[in-house]
């Protein structure tokens, strides 16, 4: 087994782990919390792996990014 194949396999594992951490914790976590805050009793249980949690998580981070950018622009004008 050449050294190049070992390096490629190692980096594939690293990319998968980072991707899982990014998706599971950083995006789905806040999304799940947000969906749970706004769910109604009639809507039933919220799925942590559901599309709604992912969408809410992405929207959350986009709003955080926009807010940080606008704050930076407001502070740098002075």
Protein backbone atom coordinates (compact mmCIF):
# COMPACT_ATOMS: atom_id res chain seq x y z
CA UNK A 1 0.00 0.00 0.00
CA UNK A 2 1.66 3.22 -1.14
CA UNK A 3 1.99 6.15 1.21
CA UNK A 4 -0.32 8.25 -1.02
CA UNK A 5 -3.23 5.86 -0.50
CA UNK A 6 -2.75 5.99 3.25
CA UNK A 7 -2.69 9.82 3.20
CA UNK A 8 -5.85 9.95 1.06
CA UNK A 9 -7.65 7.57 3.41
CA UNK A 10 -6.54 9.58 6.44
CA UNK A 11 -7.79 12.86 4.96
CA UNK A 12 -11.10 11.27 3.94
CA UNK A 13 -11.66 10.23 7.55
CA UNK A 14 -10.74 13.70 8.82
CA UNK A 15 -13.12 15.35 6.33
CA UNK A 16 -15.97 13.03 7.36
CA UNK A 17 -15.41 13.70 11.07
CA UNK A 18 -15.28 17.47 10.56
CA UNK A 19 -18.38 17.29 8.35
CA UNK A 20 -20.29 15.32 10.97
CA UNK A 21 -19.29 17.73 13.71
CA UNK A 22 -20.27 20.68 11.54
CA UNK A 23 -23.65 19.25 10.62
CA UNK A 24 -24.59 17.59 13.90
CA UNK A 25 -23.45 20.08 16.49
CA UNK A 26 -23.11 23.46 14.84
CA UNK A 27 -26.14 23.38 12.52
CA UNK A 28 -28.61 20.82 13.87
CA UNK A 29 -28.09 21.77 17.54
CA UNK A 30 -29.30 25.38 17.39
CA UNK A 31 -31.89 24.44 14.78
CA UNK A 32 -33.40 21.80 17.05
CA UNK A 33 -33.52 24.23 19.97
CA UNK A 34 -35.19 26.91 17.84
CA UNK A 35 -37.78 24.50 16.44
CA UNK A 36 -38.56 23.21 19.95
CA UNK A 37 -39.09 26.78 21.16
CA UNK A 38 -41.70 27.52 18.49
CA UNK A 39 -43.50 24.18 18.24
CA UNK A 40 -47.13 23.90 19.22
CA UNK A 41 -48.56 21.08 21.33
CA UNK A 42 -50.55 19.86 18.31
CA UNK A 43 -47.46 19.54 16.11
CA UNK A 44 -46.09 16.60 18.09
CA UNK A 45 -42.46 15.80 18.70
CA UNK A 46 -39.66 17.53 16.85
CA UNK A 47 -37.12 15.35 15.08
CA UNK A 48 -33.53 16.41 15.82
CA UNK A 49 -32.49 15.06 12.41
CA UNK A 50 -35.39 16.63 10.56
CA UNK A 51 -35.12 19.02 7.66
CA UNK A 52 -36.82 21.75 9.69
CA UNK A 53 -34.07 21.63 12.32
CA UNK A 54 -31.39 21.87 9.62
CA UNK A 55 -33.11 24.81 7.91
CA UNK A 56 -33.59 26.60 11.23
CA UNK A 57 -29.93 26.01 12.09
CA UNK A 58 -28.72 27.42 8.78
CA UNK A 59 -31.00 30.45 9.12
CA UNK A 60 -29.71 30.95 12.68
CA UNK A 61 -26.08 31.02 11.54
CA UNK A 62 -26.86 33.28 8.59
CA UNK A 63 -28.54 35.75 10.95
CA UNK A 64 -25.57 35.55 13.33
CA UNK A 65 -23.21 36.24 10.43
CA UNK A 66 -25.26 39.17 9.15
CA UNK A 67 -25.54 40.59 12.65
CA UNK A 68 -21.78 40.29 13.19
CA UNK A 69 -21.08 41.96 9.86
CA UNK A 70 -23.48 44.82 10.53
CA UNK A 71 -22.00 45.28 14.01
CA UNK A 72 -18.50 45.37 12.54
CA UNK A 73 -19.55 47.92 9.91
CA UNK A 74 -21.25 50.11 12.53
CA UNK A 75 -18.20 50.00 14.82
CA UNK A 76 -15.66 50.64 12.05
CA UNK A 77 -17.38 53.86 10.88
CA UNK A 78 -16.35 55.69 14.03
